[in-house]
Amino acid sequence: MNTDELKKYLQTLHIDMQDNDNALKFLTAKPYTNFYLTTAGVGFKRLSLIKELLFGSYQLGFFRLYALKHFLFSKKVKLEDEKYLIIHNFWSQGYHHWLAEALLKLIVFNANYSEYTLLLPASYSAFAKQSLDKFKFKDIVYLEEQCIYHIPNGVVINNPKSGFFYDEHIKQLKDFYLSTSSNPFRKIYISRRNETLRRIVNEKDIYPLLIENGYEIIEPQLLSFQEQVTLFSEAVEIIAIHGAALTNIVFMQQGARVVELYREVTANDLINGCYYRLAQAAKLKYEMCFLKIGNKHKDIDRSDLIISKNEFALLLTSNNN
């Protein structure tokens, strides 16, 4: 279903697919002195949470207890008197939240990075560290688990509204990593076959169809960050089940096609429309294809799905561009 068809269909089920009207257009940097920061990115001063590191009032009670627990029981480490920059948040160890939130606000901040020492959890995956190669920080301090850090002087950039995207910010993110644009030519199918959740149960059945129609079958987690940037910038079409790899559509050329495979929905259901909105902000042609649930997970959005070969064949050959 293209965007218009999708919205009409969801309306019949009384499901609201929100657009980017609630996206934050302005991200601000605020200095703080003599505050504490947990490795996971929860900050507080005099036991008051630093709101810029949260997402509004979301789970405030949890974070108050989390901060108190770490203040009482974690090893306290006092950092030297440098100018520190904090961009990560409680969820940004994951690819989507790192790219669409932490990295995005770092780029929008657009400061003289050489003046700052970046704070980053040591446990973060290689993609996070690779994505920072283009920044020339004064230094990077890696935060260890089970520690709480006293920060004498730091700058905090507020989080964007999670799952909502301002098109100018998305353009800045894309332009930062892609100095030139090329004509896209690759048709890509993103596989989650080696993941532990949200897989296509019968995915092997569609491999012949994909190959016959000129699609490459890719597992992005096996690629470096820059290789993922290049791959998606060269893609004229991406087909992928809902998952963090779809965040890379920010690097696609305007007008390229994105097909998101999503679990079937029922009346008054909840739907995660973050990639619909990301495609909207990146000015891509977006479609959603609903699949039946195979192995049902207690969190329904993590369930494995089943694909119909006949319906998938039509999807591959349809011309929605």
C-alpha atoms as a PDB file:
ATOM      1  CA  MET A   1       0.000   0.000   0.000  1.00  0.00           C
ATOM      2  CA  ASN A   2       1.288   3.445  -0.840  1.00  0.00           C
ATOM      3  CA  THR A   3       0.874   6.276   1.631  1.00  0.00           C
ATOM      4  CA  ASP A   4      -2.643   7.299   0.567  1.00  0.00           C
ATOM      5  CA  GLU A   5      -3.905   3.713   0.471  1.00  0.00           C
ATOM      6  CA  LEU A   6      -2.297   2.999   3.838  1.00  0.00           C
ATOM      7  CA  LYS A   7      -3.933   5.943   5.582  1.00  0.00           C
ATOM      8  CA  LYS A   8      -7.363   5.059   4.197  1.00  0.00           C
ATOM      9  CA  TYR A   9      -6.968   1.447   5.268  1.00  0.00           C
ATOM     10  CA  LEU A  10      -5.851   2.380   8.774  1.00  0.00           C
ATOM     11  CA  GLN A  11      -8.763   4.792   9.124  1.00  0.00           C
ATOM     12  CA  THR A  12     -11.167   1.882   8.585  1.00  0.00           C
ATOM     13  CA  LEU A  13      -9.476   0.212  11.570  1.00  0.00           C
ATOM     14  CA  HIS A  14      -9.573   3.423  13.645  1.00  0.00           C
ATOM     15  CA  ILE A  15      -5.765   3.592  13.698  1.00  0.00           C
ATOM     16  CA  ASP A  16      -4.121   7.000  13.519  1.00  0.00           C
ATOM     17  CA  MET A  17      -0.845   7.106  11.576  1.00  0.00           C
ATOM     18  CA  GLN A  18       0.661  10.391  12.732  1.00  0.00           C
ATOM     19  CA  ASP A  19       2.745  12.597  10.461  1.00  0.00           C
ATOM     20  CA  ASN A  20       5.769  14.671  11.506  1.00  0.00           C
ATOM     21  CA  ASP A  21       3.746  17.587  12.850  1.00  0.00           C
ATOM     22  CA  ASN A  22       5.117  16.933  16.346  1.00  0.00           C
ATOM     23  CA  ALA A  23       8.767  16.863  15.281  1.00  0.00           C
ATOM     24  CA  LEU A  24      11.070  19.281  17.099  1.00  0.00           C
ATOM     25  CA  LYS A  25      12.420  21.915  14.746  1.00  0.00           C
ATOM     26  CA  PHE A  26      14.923  23.333  17.189  1.00  0.00           C
ATOM     27  CA  LEU A  27      17.511  21.456  19.234  1.00  0.00           C
ATOM     28  CA  THR A  28      19.338  23.444  21.874  1.00  0.00           C
ATOM     29  CA  ALA A  29      22.624  22.985  23.702  1.00  0.00           C
ATOM     30  CA  LYS A  30      22.635  23.837  27.397  1.00  0.00           C
ATOM     31  CA  PRO A  31      25.686  24.064  29.669  1.00  0.00           C
ATOM     32  CA  TYR A  32      25.674  22.359  33.064  1.00  0.00           C
ATOM     33  CA  THR A  33      28.275  22.375  35.808  1.00  0.00           C
ATOM     34  CA  ASN A  34      28.951  19.939  38.631  1.00  0.00           C
ATOM     35  CA  PHE A  35      26.418  17.263  37.749  1.00  0.00           C
ATOM     36  CA  TYR A  36      26.368  13.478  37.659  1.00  0.00           C
ATOM     37  CA  LEU A  37      25.955  11.228  34.634  1.00  0.00           C
ATOM     38  CA  THR A  38      25.327   7.500  34.537  1.00  0.00           C
ATOM     39  CA  THR A  39      27.008   5.491  31.821  1.00  0.00           C
ATOM     40  CA  ALA A  40      23.603   4.968  30.171  1.00  0.00           C
ATOM     41  CA  GLY A  41      23.120   8.726  29.759  1.00  0.00           C
ATOM     42  CA  VAL A  42      20.844   9.661  32.657  1.00  0.00           C
ATOM     43  CA  GLY A  43      22.037  12.924  34.185  1.00  0.00           C
ATOM     44  CA  PHE A  44      21.077  14.715  37.357  1.00  0.00           C
ATOM     45  CA  LYS A  45      22.139  17.627  39.535  1.00  0.00           C
ATOM     46  CA  ARG A  46      21.222  17.759  43.240  1.00  0.00           C
ATOM     47  CA  LEU A  47      19.102  14.675  42.491  1.00  0.00           C
ATOM     48  CA  SER A  48      16.997  16.593  39.947  1.00  0.00           C
ATOM     49  CA  LEU A  49      16.985  14.927  36.537  1.00  0.00           C
ATOM     50  CA  ILE A  50      18.470  16.792  33.591  1.00  0.00           C
ATOM     51  CA  LYS A  51      15.441  16.981  31.329  1.00  0.00           C
ATOM     52  CA  GLU A  52      17.379  17.437  28.086  1.00  0.00           C
ATOM     53  CA  LEU A  53      18.657  13.865  28.409  1.00  0.00           C
ATOM     54  CA  LEU A  54      15.130  12.433  28.703  1.00  0.00           C
ATOM     55  CA  PHE A  55      12.127  12.285  26.394  1.00  0.00           C
ATOM     56  CA  GLY A  56       9.676  14.658  28.007  1.00  0.00           C
ATOM     57  CA  SER A  57       7.830  13.049  30.918  1.00  0.00           C
ATOM     58  CA  TYR A  58       8.310   9.511  29.601  1.00  0.00           C
ATOM     59  CA  GLN A  59       9.016   7.078  32.489  1.00  0.00           C
ATOM     60  CA  LEU A  60      10.068   9.858  34.860  1.00  0.00           C
ATOM     61  CA  GLY A  61       9.397   7.702  37.919  1.00  0.00           C
ATOM     62  CA  PHE A  62      11.657   4.950  36.608  1.00  0.00           C
ATOM     63  CA  PHE A  63      14.471   7.369  35.854  1.00  0.00           C
ATOM     64  CA  ARG A  64      14.272   9.020  39.282  1.00  0.00           C
ATOM     65  CA  LEU A  65      14.730   5.634  40.938  1.00  0.00           C
ATOM     66  CA  TYR A  66      17.420   4.688  38.419  1.00  0.00           C
ATOM     67  CA  ALA A  67      19.414   7.856  39.167  1.00  0.00           C
ATOM     68  CA  LEU A  68      19.064   7.425  42.927  1.00  0.00           C
ATOM     69  CA  LYS A  69      20.155   3.791  42.795  1.00  0.00           C
ATOM     70  CA  HIS A  70      23.290   4.644  40.821  1.00  0.00           C
ATOM     71  CA  PHE A  71      24.110   7.597  43.042  1.00  0.00           C
ATOM     72  CA  LEU A  72      23.970   5.367  46.113  1.00  0.00           C
ATOM     73  CA  PHE A  73      25.566   2.176  44.818  1.00  0.00           C
ATOM     74  CA  SER A  74      27.703   2.852  41.716  1.00  0.00           C
ATOM     75  CA  LYS A  75      31.388   3.676  41.802  1.00  0.00           C
ATOM     76  CA  LYS A  76      31.820   7.452  41.617  1.00  0.00           C
ATOM     77  CA  VAL A  77      34.398   8.761  39.151  1.00  0.00           C
ATOM     78  CA  LYS A  78      35.361  12.432  39.036  1.00  0.00           C
ATOM     79  CA  LEU A  79      36.411  13.608  35.592  1.00  0.00           C
ATOM     80  CA  GLU A  80      39.084  16.210  34.949  1.00  0.00           C
ATOM     81  CA  ASP A  81      38.054  19.803  34.310  1.00  0.00           C
ATOM     82  CA  GLU A  82      37.465  19.652  30.558  1.00  0.00           C
ATOM     83  CA  LYS A  83      34.639  20.823  28.301  1.00  0.00           C
ATOM     84  CA  TYR A  84      32.524  17.694  27.890  1.00  0.00           C
ATOM     85  CA  LEU A  85      29.797  16.991  25.348  1.00  0.00           C
ATOM     86  CA  ILE A  86      26.962  14.542  26.062  1.00  0.00           C
ATOM     87  CA  ILE A  87      24.830  13.262  23.167  1.00  0.00           C
ATOM     88  CA  HIS A  88      23.816   9.711  24.077  1.00  0.00           C
ATOM     89  CA  ASN A  89      20.631   8.670  25.861  1.00  0.00           C
ATOM     90  CA  PHE A  90      19.228   5.627  27.627  1.00  0.00           C
ATOM     91  CA  TRP A  91      18.329   3.889  24.327  1.00  0.00           C
ATOM     92  CA  SER A  92      21.064   5.064  21.970  1.00  0.00           C
ATOM     93  CA  GLN A  93      23.112   1.897  22.260  1.00  0.00           C
ATOM     94  CA  GLY A  94      20.705   0.643  19.551  1.00  0.00           C
ATOM     95  CA  TYR A  95      21.302   1.557  15.911  1.00  0.00           C
ATOM     96  CA  HIS A  96      18.069   3.460  15.363  1.00  0.00           C
ATOM     97  CA  HIS A  97      18.320   5.660  18.440  1.00  0.00           C
ATOM     98  CA  TRP A  98      22.022   6.261  17.865  1.00  0.00           C
ATOM     99  CA  LEU A  99      21.605   7.394  14.274  1.00  0.00           C
ATOM    100  CA  ALA A 100      18.229   9.151  14.433  1.00  0.00           C
ATOM    101  CA  GLU A 101      18.741  10.832  17.809  1.00  0.00           C
ATOM    102  CA  ALA A 102      22.287  10.946  19.243  1.00  0.00           C
ATOM    103  CA  LEU A 103      24.169  11.337  15.982  1.00  0.00           C
ATOM    104  CA  LEU A 104      21.523  13.589  14.467  1.00  0.00           C
ATOM    105  CA  LYS A 105      21.658  16.103  17.304  1.00  0.00           C
ATOM    106  CA  LEU A 106      25.453  16.081  17.234  1.00  0.00           C
ATOM    107  CA  ILE A 107      25.368  17.078  13.562  1.00  0.00           C
ATOM    108  CA  VAL A 108      22.616  19.667  14.039  1.00  0.00           C
ATOM    109  CA  PHE A 109      24.648  21.122  16.946  1.00  0.00           C
ATOM    110  CA  ASN A 110      27.302  22.040  14.336  1.00  0.00           C
ATOM    111  CA  ALA A 111      29.908  23.290  16.809  1.00  0.00           C
ATOM    112  CA  ASN A 112      33.671  23.450  16.755  1.00  0.00           C
ATOM    113  CA  TYR A 113      33.981  19.840  17.854  1.00  0.00           C
ATOM    114  CA  SER A 114      37.700  20.188  18.549  1.00  0.00           C
ATOM    115  CA  GLU A 115      36.803  22.201  21.662  1.00  0.00           C
ATOM    116  CA  TYR A 116      34.931  19.290  23.225  1.00  0.00           C
ATOM    117  CA  THR A 117      35.701  15.957  24.820  1.00  0.00           C
ATOM    118  CA  LEU A 118      32.905  13.556  23.938  1.00  0.00           C
ATOM    119  CA  LEU A 119      31.554  11.150  26.557  1.00  0.00           C
ATOM    120  CA  LEU A 120      30.598   7.744  25.168  1.00  0.00           C
ATOM    121  CA  PRO A 121      29.797   4.399  26.821  1.00  0.00           C
ATOM    122  CA  ALA A 122      32.651   1.941  26.277  1.00  0.00           C
ATOM    123  CA  SER A 123      30.125  -0.830  25.588  1.00  0.00           C
ATOM    124  CA  TYR A 124      28.697   0.839  22.482  1.00  0.00           C
ATOM    125  CA  SER A 125      28.942  -1.172  19.270  1.00  0.00           C
ATOM    126  CA  ALA A 126      31.431  -0.571  16.491  1.00  0.00           C
ATOM    127  CA  PHE A 127      28.880   1.300  14.340  1.00  0.00           C
ATOM    128  CA  ALA A 128      28.705   4.123  16.905  1.00  0.00           C
ATOM    129  CA  LYS A 129      32.466   4.535  17.077  1.00  0.00           C
ATOM    130  CA  GLN A 130      32.819   4.274  13.282  1.00  0.00           C
ATOM    131  CA  SER A 131      30.174   6.955  12.752  1.00  0.00           C
ATOM    132  CA  LEU A 132      32.288   9.392  14.791  1.00  0.00           C
ATOM    133  CA  ASP A 133      35.343   9.113  12.534  1.00  0.00           C
ATOM    134  CA  LYS A 134      34.457  12.337  10.705  1.00  0.00           C
ATOM    135  CA  PHE A 135      34.362  14.382  13.915  1.00  0.00           C
ATOM    136  CA  LYS A 136      37.571  15.867  15.282  1.00  0.00           C
ATOM    137  CA  PHE A 137      36.918  15.925  18.985  1.00  0.00           C
ATOM    138  CA  LYS A 138      39.568  17.063  21.400  1.00  0.00           C
ATOM    139  CA  ASP A 139      39.219  13.612  22.942  1.00  0.00           C
ATOM    140  CA  ILE A 140      36.710  10.844  23.649  1.00  0.00           C
ATOM    141  CA  VAL A 141      36.293   9.497  27.178  1.00  0.00           C
ATOM    142  CA  TYR A 142      34.772   6.024  27.332  1.00  0.00           C
ATOM    143  CA  LEU A 143      32.399   5.461  30.230  1.00  0.00           C
ATOM    144  CA  GLU A 144      32.574   2.126  32.029  1.00  0.00           C
ATOM    145  CA  GLU A 145      29.635   0.109  33.370  1.00  0.00           C
ATOM    146  CA  GLN A 146      28.702   0.278  37.066  1.00  0.00           C
ATOM    147  CA  CYS A 147      30.149   3.789  37.374  1.00  0.00           C
ATOM    148  CA  ILE A 148      28.636   7.215  37.857  1.00  0.00           C
ATOM    149  CA  TYR A 149      30.590  10.226  36.659  1.00  0.00           C
ATOM    150  CA  HIS A 150      30.923  13.663  38.196  1.00  0.00           C
ATOM    151  CA  ILE A 151      31.060  16.164  35.325  1.00  0.00           C
ATOM    152  CA  PRO A 152      32.573  19.553  36.246  1.00  0.00           C
ATOM    153  CA  ASN A 153      31.664  21.259  32.975  1.00  0.00           C
ATOM    154  CA  GLY A 154      29.454  19.831  30.244  1.00  0.00           C
ATOM    155  CA  VAL A 155      27.140  20.688  27.383  1.00  0.00           C
ATOM    156  CA  VAL A 156      23.942  18.711  26.891  1.00  0.00           C
ATOM    157  CA  ILE A 157      21.918  18.753  23.665  1.00  0.00           C
ATOM    158  CA  ASN A 158      18.233  18.007  24.133  1.00  0.00           C
ATOM    159  CA  ASN A 159      16.778  14.889  22.561  1.00  0.00           C
ATOM    160  CA  PRO A 160      14.499  15.196  19.543  1.00  0.00           C
ATOM    161  CA  LYS A 161      10.996  13.780  19.837  1.00  0.00           C
ATOM    162  CA  SER A 162      11.576  10.072  19.336  1.00  0.00           C
ATOM    163  CA  GLY A 163      10.033   8.694  16.148  1.00  0.00           C
ATOM    164  CA  PHE A 164       9.268  12.123  14.652  1.00  0.00           C
ATOM    165  CA  PHE A 165      11.584  13.857  12.218  1.00  0.00           C
ATOM    166  CA  TYR A 166      12.122  17.383  10.949  1.00  0.00           C
ATOM    167  CA  ASP A 167      13.030  17.230   7.270  1.00  0.00           C
ATOM    168  CA  GLU A 168      15.805  19.831   7.535  1.00  0.00           C
ATOM    169  CA  HIS A 169      17.528  17.819  10.281  1.00  0.00           C
ATOM    170  CA  ILE A 170      17.324  14.665   8.168  1.00  0.00           C
ATOM    171  CA  LYS A 171      18.853  16.531   5.231  1.00  0.00           C
ATOM    172  CA  GLN A 172      21.704  17.751   7.441  1.00  0.00           C
ATOM    173  CA  LEU A 173      22.364  14.194   8.635  1.00  0.00           C
ATOM    174  CA  LYS A 174      22.403  12.860   5.082  1.00  0.00           C
ATOM    175  CA  ASP A 175      24.567  15.677   3.696  1.00  0.00           C
ATOM    176  CA  PHE A 176      27.119  15.262   6.485  1.00  0.00           C
ATOM    177  CA  TYR A 177      27.978  11.743   5.337  1.00  0.00           C
ATOM    178  CA  LEU A 178      27.292  12.112   1.606  1.00  0.00           C
ATOM    179  CA  SER A 179      29.185  14.984   0.047  1.00  0.00           C
ATOM    180  CA  THR A 180      28.012  14.022  -3.442  1.00  0.00           C
ATOM    181  CA  SER A 181      24.937  12.237  -4.743  1.00  0.00           C
ATOM    182  CA  SER A 182      24.929   9.526  -7.388  1.00  0.00           C
ATOM    183  CA  ASN A 183      22.178   7.950  -9.417  1.00  0.00           C
ATOM    184  CA  PRO A 184      20.780   5.055  -7.364  1.00  0.00           C
ATOM    185  CA  PHE A 185      20.767   1.713  -9.149  1.00  0.00           C
ATOM    186  CA  ARG A 186      20.596  -1.115  -6.588  1.00  0.00           C
ATOM    187  CA  LYS A 187      17.502  -2.999  -5.462  1.00  0.00           C
ATOM    188  CA  ILE A 188      18.008  -4.268  -1.922  1.00  0.00           C
ATOM    189  CA  TYR A 189      16.158  -6.725   0.279  1.00  0.00           C
ATOM    190  CA  ILE A 190      17.147  -6.466   3.952  1.00  0.00           C
ATOM    191  CA  SER A 191      17.232  -9.835   5.710  1.00  0.00           C
ATOM    192  CA  ARG A 192      16.957 -10.479   9.463  1.00  0.00           C
ATOM    193  CA  ARG A 193      17.590 -14.220   9.075  1.00  0.00           C
ATOM    194  CA  ASN A 194      20.306 -14.279  11.743  1.00  0.00           C
ATOM    195  CA  GLU A 195      18.431 -12.122  14.249  1.00  0.00           C
ATOM    196  CA  THR A 196      16.530 -13.584  17.202  1.00  0.00           C
ATOM    197  CA  LEU A 197      13.230 -11.818  16.595  1.00  0.00           C
ATOM    198  CA  ARG A 198      11.047 -10.194  13.940  1.00  0.00           C
ATOM    199  CA  ARG A 199      12.172 -12.516  11.151  1.00  0.00           C
ATOM    200  CA  ILE A 200      10.414 -13.861   8.058  1.00  0.00           C
ATOM    201  CA  VAL A 201       9.769 -17.517   8.935  1.00  0.00           C
ATOM    202  CA  ASN A 202       9.661 -18.702   5.319  1.00  0.00           C
ATOM    203  CA  GLU A 203      12.149 -16.195   3.939  1.00  0.00           C
ATOM    204  CA  LYS A 204      14.062 -18.822   1.947  1.00  0.00           C
ATOM    205  CA  ASP A 205      10.944 -19.343  -0.174  1.00  0.00           C
ATOM    206  CA  ILE A 206      11.236 -15.836  -1.623  1.00  0.00           C
ATOM    207  CA  TYR A 207      14.962 -15.879  -2.393  1.00  0.00           C
ATOM    208  CA  PRO A 208      14.429 -17.150  -5.972  1.00  0.00           C
ATOM    209  CA  LEU A 209      11.895 -14.363  -6.577  1.00  0.00           C
ATOM    210  CA  LEU A 210      14.309 -11.736  -5.281  1.00  0.00           C
ATOM    211  CA  ILE A 211      17.224 -12.971  -7.379  1.00  0.00           C
ATOM    212  CA  GLU A 212      15.040 -13.328 -10.478  1.00  0.00           C
ATOM    213  CA  ASN A 213      13.953  -9.688 -10.131  1.00  0.00           C
ATOM    214  CA  GLY A 214      17.438  -8.301  -9.589  1.00  0.00           C
ATOM    215  CA  TYR A 215      17.438  -7.799  -5.812  1.00  0.00           C
ATOM    216  CA  GLU A 216      20.455  -8.174  -3.568  1.00  0.00           C
ATOM    217  CA  ILE A 217      19.899  -9.890  -0.204  1.00  0.00           C
ATOM    218  CA  ILE A 218      21.811  -7.962   2.455  1.00  0.00           C
ATOM    219  CA  GLU A 219      22.341  -8.219   6.221  1.00  0.00           C
ATOM    220  CA  PRO A 220      23.373  -4.652   7.181  1.00  0.00           C
ATOM    221  CA  GLN A 221      24.673  -5.629  10.630  1.00  0.00           C
ATOM    222  CA  LEU A 222      27.539  -7.400   8.847  1.00  0.00           C
ATOM    223  CA  LEU A 223      28.632  -4.109   7.237  1.00  0.00           C
ATOM    224  CA  SER A 224      30.595  -1.198   8.663  1.00  0.00           C
ATOM    225  CA  PHE A 225      28.772   2.068   9.255  1.00  0.00           C
ATOM    226  CA  GLN A 226      30.239   3.671   6.118  1.00  0.00           C
ATOM    227  CA  GLU A 227      29.380   0.605   4.037  1.00  0.00           C
ATOM    228  CA  GLN A 228      25.765   0.930   5.172  1.00  0.00           C
ATOM    229  CA  VAL A 229      25.760   4.618   4.246  1.00  0.00           C
ATOM    230  CA  THR A 230      27.075   3.778   0.769  1.00  0.00           C
ATOM    231  CA  LEU A 231      24.693   0.853   0.282  1.00  0.00           C
ATOM    232  CA  PHE A 232      21.563   2.845   1.039  1.00  0.00           C
ATOM    233  CA  SER A 233      22.721   5.876  -0.946  1.00  0.00           C
ATOM    234  CA  GLU A 234      23.046   3.610  -4.001  1.00  0.00           C
ATOM    235  CA  ALA A 235      19.649   1.956  -3.513  1.00  0.00           C
ATOM    236  CA  VAL A 236      16.766   2.836  -5.758  1.00  0.00           C
ATOM    237  CA  GLU A 237      14.598   0.480  -3.728  1.00  0.00           C
ATOM    238  CA  ILE A 238      14.692  -1.034  -0.240  1.00  0.00           C
ATOM    239  CA  ILE A 239      12.407  -3.800   1.017  1.00  0.00           C
ATOM    240  CA  ALA A 240      12.760  -4.584   4.709  1.00  0.00           C
ATOM    241  CA  ILE A 241      10.859  -5.894   7.688  1.00  0.00           C
ATOM    242  CA  HIS A 242      10.356  -3.311  10.439  1.00  0.00           C
ATOM    243  CA  GLY A 243      13.702  -2.932  12.220  1.00  0.00           C
ATOM    244  CA  ALA A 244      16.625  -0.637  12.985  1.00  0.00           C
ATOM    245  CA  ALA A 245      18.307  -1.174   9.605  1.00  0.00           C
ATOM    246  CA  LEU A 246      15.531   0.897   8.037  1.00  0.00           C
ATOM    247  CA  THR A 247      16.973   3.960   9.764  1.00  0.00           C
ATOM    248  CA  ASN A 248      19.547   3.981   6.961  1.00  0.00           C
ATOM    249  CA  ILE A 249      16.867   5.181   4.536  1.00  0.00           C
ATOM    250  CA  VAL A 250      18.002   8.673   5.575  1.00  0.00           C
ATOM    251  CA  PHE A 251      20.882   8.151   3.110  1.00  0.00           C
ATOM    252  CA  MET A 252      18.670   7.263   0.122  1.00  0.00           C
ATOM    253  CA  GLN A 253      18.151   9.676  -2.733  1.00  0.00           C
ATOM    254  CA  GLN A 254      14.895  11.618  -2.819  1.00  0.00           C
ATOM    255  CA  GLY A 255      12.141   9.743  -4.653  1.00  0.00           C
ATOM    256  CA  ALA A 256      13.588   6.272  -4.023  1.00  0.00           C
ATOM    257  CA  ARG A 257      11.179   3.512  -2.999  1.00  0.00           C
ATOM    258  CA  VAL A 258      10.922   2.077   0.531  1.00  0.00           C
ATOM    259  CA  VAL A 259       8.709  -0.927   1.298  1.00  0.00           C
ATOM    260  CA  GLU A 260       8.297  -1.758   4.974  1.00  0.00           C
ATOM    261  CA  LEU A 261       7.056  -5.238   5.869  1.00  0.00           C
ATOM    262  CA  TYR A 262       4.920  -5.040   9.011  1.00  0.00           C
ATOM    263  CA  ARG A 263       2.777  -7.394  11.052  1.00  0.00           C
ATOM    264  CA  GLU A 264      -0.938  -7.466  10.325  1.00  0.00           C
ATOM    265  CA  VAL A 265      -2.971  -5.009  12.395  1.00  0.00           C
ATOM    266  CA  THR A 266      -6.483  -5.134  13.803  1.00  0.00           C
ATOM    267  CA  ALA A 267      -9.072  -2.536  14.807  1.00  0.00           C
ATOM    268  CA  ASN A 268      -7.822   0.076  17.323  1.00  0.00           C
ATOM    269  CA  ASP A 269      -4.335  -1.447  17.172  1.00  0.00           C
ATOM    270  CA  LEU A 270      -1.137   0.461  17.829  1.00  0.00           C
ATOM    271  CA  ILE A 271       1.324   0.840  14.975  1.00  0.00           C
ATOM    272  CA  ASN A 272       4.909   2.056  15.064  1.00  0.00           C
ATOM    273  CA  GLY A 273       5.034   4.546  12.216  1.00  0.00           C
ATOM    274  CA  CYS A 274       8.570   5.826  12.782  1.00  0.00           C
ATOM    275  CA  TYR A 275       9.884   4.630   9.401  1.00  0.00           C
ATOM    276  CA  TYR A 276       6.826   5.984   7.619  1.00  0.00           C
ATOM    277  CA  ARG A 277       7.638   9.378   9.131  1.00  0.00           C
ATOM    278  CA  LEU A 278      11.361   9.013   8.445  1.00  0.00           C
ATOM    279  CA  ALA A 279      10.630   8.274   4.784  1.00  0.00           C
ATOM    280  CA  GLN A 280       8.312  11.284   4.737  1.00  0.00           C
ATOM    281  CA  ALA A 281      11.048  13.574   6.099  1.00  0.00           C
ATOM    282  CA  ALA A 282      13.609  12.135   3.651  1.00  0.00           C
ATOM    283  CA  LYS A 283      11.148  12.647   0.754  1.00  0.00           C
ATOM    284  CA  LEU A 284      11.011   8.997  -0.254  1.00  0.00           C
ATOM    285  CA  LYS A 285       8.208   6.958  -1.798  1.00  0.00           C
ATOM    286  CA  TYR A 286       6.950   4.832   1.049  1.00  0.00           C
ATOM    287  CA  GLU A 287       4.806   1.701   1.062  1.00  0.00           C
ATOM    288  CA  MET A 288       3.750  -0.704   3.802  1.00  0.00           C
ATOM    289  CA  CYS A 289       2.964  -4.377   3.272  1.00  0.00           C
ATOM    290  CA  PHE A 290       1.165  -6.275   6.040  1.00  0.00           C
ATOM    291  CA  LEU A 291       2.181  -9.879   6.754  1.00  0.00           C
ATOM    292  CA  LYS A 292       0.587 -12.585   8.859  1.00  0.00           C
ATOM    293  CA  ILE A 293       2.163 -13.429  12.214  1.00  0.00           C
ATOM    294  CA  GLY A 294       4.093 -16.680  12.355  1.00  0.00           C
ATOM    295  CA  ASN A 295       5.744 -17.184  15.726  1.00  0.00           C
ATOM    296  CA  LYS A 296       3.923 -14.827  18.082  1.00  0.00           C
ATOM    297  CA  HIS A 297       6.027 -13.034  20.697  1.00  0.00           C
ATOM    298  CA  LYS A 298       4.628 -11.744  24.007  1.00  0.00           C
ATOM    299  CA  ASP A 299       5.529  -8.311  22.612  1.00  0.00           C
ATOM    300  CA  ILE A 300       3.567  -8.584  19.386  1.00  0.00           C
ATOM    301  CA  ASP A 301       5.868  -6.160  17.554  1.00  0.00           C
ATOM    302  CA  ARG A 302       8.714  -8.662  17.990  1.00  0.00           C
ATOM    303  CA  SER A 303       6.838 -11.550  16.395  1.00  0.00           C
ATOM    304  CA  ASP A 304       8.162 -13.480  13.405  1.00  0.00           C
ATOM    305  CA  LEU A 305       6.109 -13.113  10.230  1.00  0.00           C
ATOM    306  CA  ILE A 306       5.036 -15.243   7.258  1.00  0.00           C
ATOM    307  CA  ILE A 307       5.110 -13.975   3.698  1.00  0.00           C
ATOM    308  CA  SER A 308       2.898 -15.032   0.786  1.00  0.00           C
ATOM    309  CA  LYS A 309       4.981 -15.880  -2.284  1.00  0.00           C
ATOM    310  CA  ASN A 310       2.233 -14.800  -4.677  1.00  0.00           C
ATOM    311  CA  GLU A 311       1.654 -11.474  -2.962  1.00  0.00           C
ATOM    312  CA  PHE A 312       5.382 -10.862  -2.691  1.00  0.00           C
ATOM    313  CA  ALA A 313       5.832 -11.558  -6.409  1.00  0.00           C
ATOM    314  CA  LEU A 314       3.270  -8.833  -7.158  1.00  0.00           C
ATOM    315  CA  LEU A 315       5.067  -6.471  -4.796  1.00  0.00           C
ATOM    316  CA  LEU A 316       8.358  -6.994  -6.616  1.00  0.00           C
ATOM    317  CA  THR A 317       6.913  -6.386 -10.047  1.00  0.00           C
ATOM    318  CA  SER A 318       4.561  -3.522  -9.198  1.00  0.00           C
ATOM    319  CA  ASN A 319       5.642  -0.138 -10.506  1.00  0.00           C
ATOM    320  CA  ASN A 320       4.868   2.415  -7.803  1.00  0.00           C
ATOM    321  CA  ASN A 321       7.688   4.794  -8.642  1.00  0.00           C
END
